[in-house]
N, C-alpha and C. Protein backbone atom coordinates (compact mmCIF):
# COMPACT_ATOMS: atom_id res chain seq x y z
N MET A 1 -6.51 -15.05 -3.95
CA MET A 1 -7.45 -14.55 -3.11
C MET A 1 -8.39 -15.28 -3.94
N THR A 2 -9.43 -16.31 -2.83
CA THR A 2 -10.27 -17.09 -3.62
C THR A 2 -11.64 -15.75 -3.66
N ALA A 3 -12.72 -15.96 -4.09
CA ALA A 3 -13.34 -15.39 -4.27
C ALA A 3 -14.20 -14.57 -2.92
N LYS A 4 -14.22 -15.30 -2.46
CA LYS A 4 -14.79 -15.41 -1.17
C LYS A 4 -14.04 -14.15 -0.19
N GLU A 5 -12.95 -14.44 0.01
CA GLU A 5 -11.60 -13.64 0.37
C GLU A 5 -11.83 -11.97 -0.38
N ARG A 6 -12.01 -12.07 -1.59
CA ARG A 6 -11.82 -10.54 -2.53
C ARG A 6 -13.46 -10.04 -1.93
N ALA A 7 -14.65 -11.06 -1.55
CA ALA A 7 -15.73 -10.09 -1.28
C ALA A 7 -15.52 -9.37 0.10
N ASN A 8 -14.69 -10.68 0.96
CA ASN A 8 -14.65 -10.26 2.27
C ASN A 8 -13.88 -9.06 2.57
N ALA A 9 -12.69 -8.40 1.57
CA ALA A 9 -11.70 -7.41 1.52
C ALA A 9 -12.38 -6.37 1.11
N GLU A 10 -13.15 -6.43 0.00
CA GLU A 10 -13.68 -5.65 -0.51
C GLU A 10 -15.44 -4.88 0.68
N THR A 11 -15.66 -5.74 1.08
CA THR A 11 -16.49 -5.42 1.95
C THR A 11 -16.15 -4.89 3.06
N ALA A 12 -14.93 -5.00 3.32
CA ALA A 12 -13.99 -4.62 4.57
C ALA A 12 -13.43 -3.03 4.47
N VAL A 13 -13.15 -2.94 3.43
CA VAL A 13 -13.00 -1.43 2.52
C VAL A 13 -13.90 -0.26 2.73
N ALA A 14 -14.83 -1.16 2.20
CA ALA A 14 -16.05 -0.35 1.85
C ALA A 14 -16.57 0.10 3.78
N ALA A 15 -16.87 -0.86 3.89
CA ALA A 15 -17.05 -0.37 5.26
C ALA A 15 -16.21 0.35 6.12
N ALA A 16 -14.86 0.59 6.19
CA ALA A 16 -13.71 1.37 6.38
C ALA A 16 -14.04 2.98 6.06
N ARG A 17 -14.18 2.83 4.76
CA ARG A 17 -14.63 4.29 3.91
C ARG A 17 -15.64 5.13 4.43
N GLU A 18 -16.77 4.15 4.79
CA GLU A 18 -18.14 4.60 5.47
C GLU A 18 -17.84 5.50 6.73
N ARG A 19 -16.89 4.56 7.13
CA ARG A 19 -16.99 4.98 8.98
C ARG A 19 -15.83 6.30 8.87
N VAL A 20 -15.00 6.40 8.21
CA VAL A 20 -14.13 7.71 8.32
C VAL A 20 -14.87 8.47 7.32
N LYS A 21 -15.99 8.19 6.55
CA LYS A 21 -16.70 9.14 5.85
C LYS A 21 -17.63 9.73 6.74
N GLY A 22 -18.40 9.20 7.62
CA GLY A 22 -18.79 9.30 8.80
C GLY A 22 -18.25 10.69 10.06
N PHE A 23 -17.46 10.25 9.69
CA PHE A 23 -16.48 11.24 10.66
C PHE A 23 -16.54 12.31 9.96
N TYR A 24 -15.55 12.43 8.85
CA TYR A 24 -15.21 13.48 8.31
C TYR A 24 -16.17 14.41 7.48
N GLY A 25 -17.30 13.82 6.71
CA GLY A 25 -18.61 14.30 6.25
C GLY A 25 -18.78 14.02 5.06
N ALA A 26 -17.19 14.33 4.06
CA ALA A 26 -17.24 13.56 3.10
C ALA A 26 -15.42 13.28 3.13
N LEU A 27 -14.89 12.37 1.61
CA LEU A 27 -13.55 12.34 1.83
C LEU A 27 -13.18 12.86 0.73
N GLN A 28 -12.13 13.20 0.94
CA GLN A 28 -11.20 14.11 -0.07
C GLN A 28 -9.74 13.41 -0.55
N GLY A 29 -9.33 12.46 0.25
CA GLY A 29 -8.24 11.62 -0.36
C GLY A 29 -8.77 10.34 -0.77
N ALA A 30 -7.96 9.81 -1.93
CA ALA A 30 -8.47 8.90 -3.15
C ALA A 30 -7.45 7.87 -2.96
N PRO A 31 -6.89 6.98 -2.27
CA PRO A 31 -5.63 6.05 -1.97
C PRO A 31 -5.93 5.13 -2.66
N ARG A 32 -4.84 4.61 -3.47
CA ARG A 32 -4.81 3.29 -4.16
C ARG A 32 -4.92 2.27 -3.08
N ILE A 33 -5.42 1.36 -3.01
CA ILE A 33 -5.77 0.33 -2.00
C ILE A 33 -4.88 -1.23 -2.69
N LEU A 34 -3.87 -1.49 -1.41
CA LEU A 34 -3.54 -3.12 -3.12
C LEU A 34 -3.94 -4.02 -1.43
N ILE A 35 -4.85 -4.82 -1.87
CA ILE A 35 -4.37 -5.97 -0.54
C ILE A 35 -3.76 -7.27 -0.92
N CYS A 36 -2.98 -8.08 -0.38
CA CYS A 36 -2.09 -9.04 -0.62
C CYS A 36 -2.86 -10.11 0.12
N LYS A 37 -2.39 -11.56 -0.11
CA LYS A 37 -2.96 -12.39 0.67
C LYS A 37 -1.74 -13.18 1.17
N THR A 38 -0.34 -12.94 0.69
CA THR A 38 0.77 -13.61 1.07
C THR A 38 2.06 -12.82 1.29
N GLU A 39 2.99 -13.07 2.58
CA GLU A 39 3.63 -12.46 2.61
C GLU A 39 4.55 -12.37 1.25
N VAL A 40 4.50 -13.17 0.26
CA VAL A 40 5.52 -12.76 -0.75
C VAL A 40 5.09 -11.70 -1.66
N CYS A 41 3.60 -11.51 -1.73
CA CYS A 41 2.96 -10.46 -1.82
C CYS A 41 3.66 -8.86 -1.46
N TYR A 42 2.81 -9.42 -0.19
CA TYR A 42 2.54 -8.34 0.67
C TYR A 42 4.50 -7.09 0.80
N GLY A 43 5.42 -8.08 0.87
CA GLY A 43 6.96 -7.90 1.10
C GLY A 43 7.23 -6.67 0.13
N PRO A 44 7.19 -7.26 -1.34
CA PRO A 44 7.23 -5.83 -2.52
C PRO A 44 7.10 -4.47 -2.52
N ILE A 45 5.56 -4.19 -1.69
CA ILE A 45 5.38 -3.59 -1.87
C ILE A 45 5.18 -2.56 -0.30
N GLY A 46 6.01 -2.90 0.90
CA GLY A 46 6.18 -2.37 1.83
C GLY A 46 6.17 -2.88 3.21
N GLY A 47 5.24 -3.94 2.62
CA GLY A 47 4.44 -4.81 3.81
C GLY A 47 5.44 -5.27 5.06
N GLY A 48 4.99 -5.30 6.28
CA GLY A 48 5.76 -5.87 7.41
C GLY A 48 5.73 -7.47 7.92
N SER A 49 5.31 -7.73 9.20
CA SER A 49 4.99 -8.83 9.40
C SER A 49 3.53 -8.84 9.55
N ARG A 50 2.31 -7.80 9.45
CA ARG A 50 1.18 -7.53 9.82
C ARG A 50 0.54 -7.99 8.54
N GLY A 51 1.13 -8.35 7.18
CA GLY A 51 0.81 -8.99 6.58
C GLY A 51 -0.87 -9.20 6.27
N ARG A 52 -1.47 -10.31 6.49
CA ARG A 52 -2.37 -10.99 6.51
C ARG A 52 -3.61 -10.17 7.18
N ARG A 53 -3.28 -9.56 8.28
CA ARG A 53 -4.55 -8.86 9.00
C ARG A 53 -4.79 -7.37 8.53
N SER A 54 -4.06 -6.65 7.78
CA SER A 54 -3.71 -5.61 7.76
C SER A 54 -5.60 -4.86 7.11
N TYR A 55 -5.58 -5.78 6.25
CA TYR A 55 -7.15 -4.79 5.75
C TYR A 55 -8.43 -4.55 7.13
N VAL A 56 -8.40 -5.28 7.95
CA VAL A 56 -9.06 -5.19 9.46
C VAL A 56 -8.58 -3.86 9.60
N THR A 57 -7.29 -3.15 9.71
CA THR A 57 -6.95 -1.96 9.88
C THR A 57 -7.27 -0.66 8.90
N ALA A 58 -8.11 -1.05 8.03
CA ALA A 58 -8.51 -0.26 7.29
C ALA A 58 -9.10 1.22 7.71
N ALA A 59 -9.85 1.18 8.37
CA ALA A 59 -10.38 3.01 8.89
C ALA A 59 -9.92 3.38 9.13
N PRO A 60 -8.44 2.76 10.22
CA PRO A 60 -7.60 3.81 10.96
C PRO A 60 -6.56 4.18 9.80
N GLU A 61 -6.47 3.37 8.92
CA GLU A 61 -5.25 3.77 7.81
C GLU A 61 -5.82 4.41 6.80
N LEU A 62 -6.95 4.44 6.69
CA LEU A 62 -7.74 5.55 5.49
C LEU A 62 -8.19 6.87 6.53
N SER A 63 -8.38 6.60 7.52
CA SER A 63 -8.35 8.04 8.71
C SER A 63 -7.17 8.73 8.29
N HIS A 64 -6.17 8.31 8.62
CA HIS A 64 -4.86 8.76 8.32
C HIS A 64 -4.33 9.47 6.89
N ILE A 65 -4.81 8.86 6.11
CA ILE A 65 -4.60 9.09 4.68
C ILE A 65 -5.64 10.82 4.35
N GLU A 66 -7.02 10.62 4.88
CA GLU A 66 -7.76 11.53 4.84
C GLU A 66 -7.40 13.06 5.69
N LEU A 67 -7.32 12.48 7.10
CA LEU A 67 -6.33 13.78 7.51
C LEU A 67 -4.86 14.03 6.62
N HIS A 68 -4.50 13.43 6.06
CA HIS A 68 -3.27 14.04 5.81
C HIS A 68 -3.29 14.88 4.14
N SER A 69 -4.79 14.05 3.33
CA SER A 69 -4.92 14.73 2.15
C SER A 69 -5.40 16.11 2.71
N ARG A 70 -6.25 16.24 3.82
CA ARG A 70 -6.92 17.68 4.37
C ARG A 70 -6.24 19.00 4.88
N LEU A 71 -4.64 18.34 5.12
CA LEU A 71 -3.66 18.85 5.59
C LEU A 71 -2.53 19.29 4.52
N GLY A 72 -2.78 18.97 3.36
CA GLY A 72 -1.99 19.07 2.64
C GLY A 72 -0.70 18.16 2.22
N LEU A 73 -0.42 17.09 3.39
CA LEU A 73 0.47 16.12 3.86
C LEU A 73 0.89 15.46 2.48
N ALA A 74 -0.55 15.02 1.75
CA ALA A 74 -0.32 14.01 0.79
C ALA A 74 0.43 14.25 -0.71
N LYS A 75 0.61 15.44 -0.75
CA LYS A 75 1.20 15.80 -1.88
C LYS A 75 2.92 16.18 -1.85
N THR A 76 3.02 16.18 0.01
CA THR A 76 4.63 16.51 -0.23
C THR A 76 5.20 15.32 0.57
N CYS A 77 4.89 14.10 0.85
CA CYS A 77 5.12 13.35 1.36
C CYS A 77 5.20 12.09 0.32
N SER A 78 6.33 11.64 0.48
CA SER A 78 6.82 10.24 -0.67
C SER A 78 6.07 8.77 -0.59
N PHE A 79 5.42 8.87 0.95
CA PHE A 79 4.65 7.70 0.82
C PHE A 79 3.31 7.47 0.05
N TYR A 80 2.90 8.96 -0.37
CA TYR A 80 1.58 8.82 -1.28
C TYR A 80 2.06 8.71 -2.67
N GLU A 81 3.50 8.81 -3.29
CA GLU A 81 3.24 8.50 -4.86
C GLU A 81 3.41 7.43 -5.19
């Protein structure tokens, strides 16, 4: 990724965190966030056909993780390992 692409991704993730934090009041979940530019990178980490636009959906994904964290599902699902 170029420096500008990395900066855009970081900005999108930061905005998503703030949006989710605004709803929940605080964040308890601490997901590891991986961002890939290419399908070659995205495929091995479980990616599908929507690889290049995934960071656009950062807020909904972080919201799911936060909910699962609060319900205790993050500790029982292999998805979070």
